[in-house]
Amino acid sequence: MDAATHTRRAHSFNAAAGSYAAYRPSYPDALFDAVEDLAGRPLSGARVIDVGAGTGIASARLAARGAHVLGVEPGAGMAAQYRLDHPGLPVVRGDGNALPLRDACADFVTYAQSWHWTDPERALPEALRVLRPGGALAAWWNISDPEEEWVAAQGARLREWFGAGAQAHGAPGAQAAHTLQQTPEPAQDPRYGHPRSRVLAEKTDSASRSVRWSRRIPLDHHLANLASHSILLVHDESTRNNFLAAERAALLAVFPDATIEEKYIVELTLARRPAR
């Protein structure tokens, strides 16, 4: 993905912040259990910087675990939705490549669906800078289970509509054809978790964990979630509507009761800042 396309897609969410907040999936309790287990400390009482916080989906879950959360979000529309939905949680404008924070101020720096929007070579030193000694960087992605036949079929339809690089369903891994990244990624090495976390594995003492979960939602909810992804947002309204109408018909043939079980695998990578 070239820099201009990356920027356009990264900022496309601002025009759809309300839909993003309403329809994107959240994260299971087991994910936060895994974060605590790999970090060797509880989230309760911890100071957490949630980078690329979006509309606050992960920030709210972290706060519910007892963490003191500060969201960092580059987009005006997303930050405004964050404040609307979570008035008790602070959020500041900024991005992971140049965090507007002092050194050693956080116990955790988290990236929920957002590490891939950073430049890892810049974002990793920034995260380590704001982490206290012994603190942890945690990055995670919801990935639709690629073993589900309808997920693979939907991915093929997206490629038919939007080109070979238009992939769906979360993060690129071993089954890159079923992801919503625009460009193919290298095959996933099981030591690295999500391919975008490769720099974490190469340059830090990191560990990965996979967490399975699912949610049952109406078909319209699923389509609204799909429509909130950047690969659709950067296309014109007519193209989006035509695709979503065709997708509705295709999914109704598989789910005649208009209810879909979305099965996810959350890929987590956690890296520690050395205690000294």
Foldseek 3Di string as FASTA:
>chain_A
DDPVLLVLLLQLLLVVLVLQVVQADADDPVVQVVVCVQLVHFLADWEEEEFCCFLPRHVVVSVVSRHQYEYEHQYPSRVVNNCVVCVPHHYDYDHLLADPDAFQQGQEYEYELHLVSDDCVRNVVSRLRNHHASHKYKYKKKFFDPVDPVLLVVLVLQCVLQNQQQAPGMAAEQPNSSHRGRHHDPHHDVQQFGRSSVVLVVPFPKGKDKDKDKDKDFLVSVLSNVCSRSSNSVDDPVSSVVSSVVVVVVVCVVVVVRMDIGMIIMMMMMGTRHND
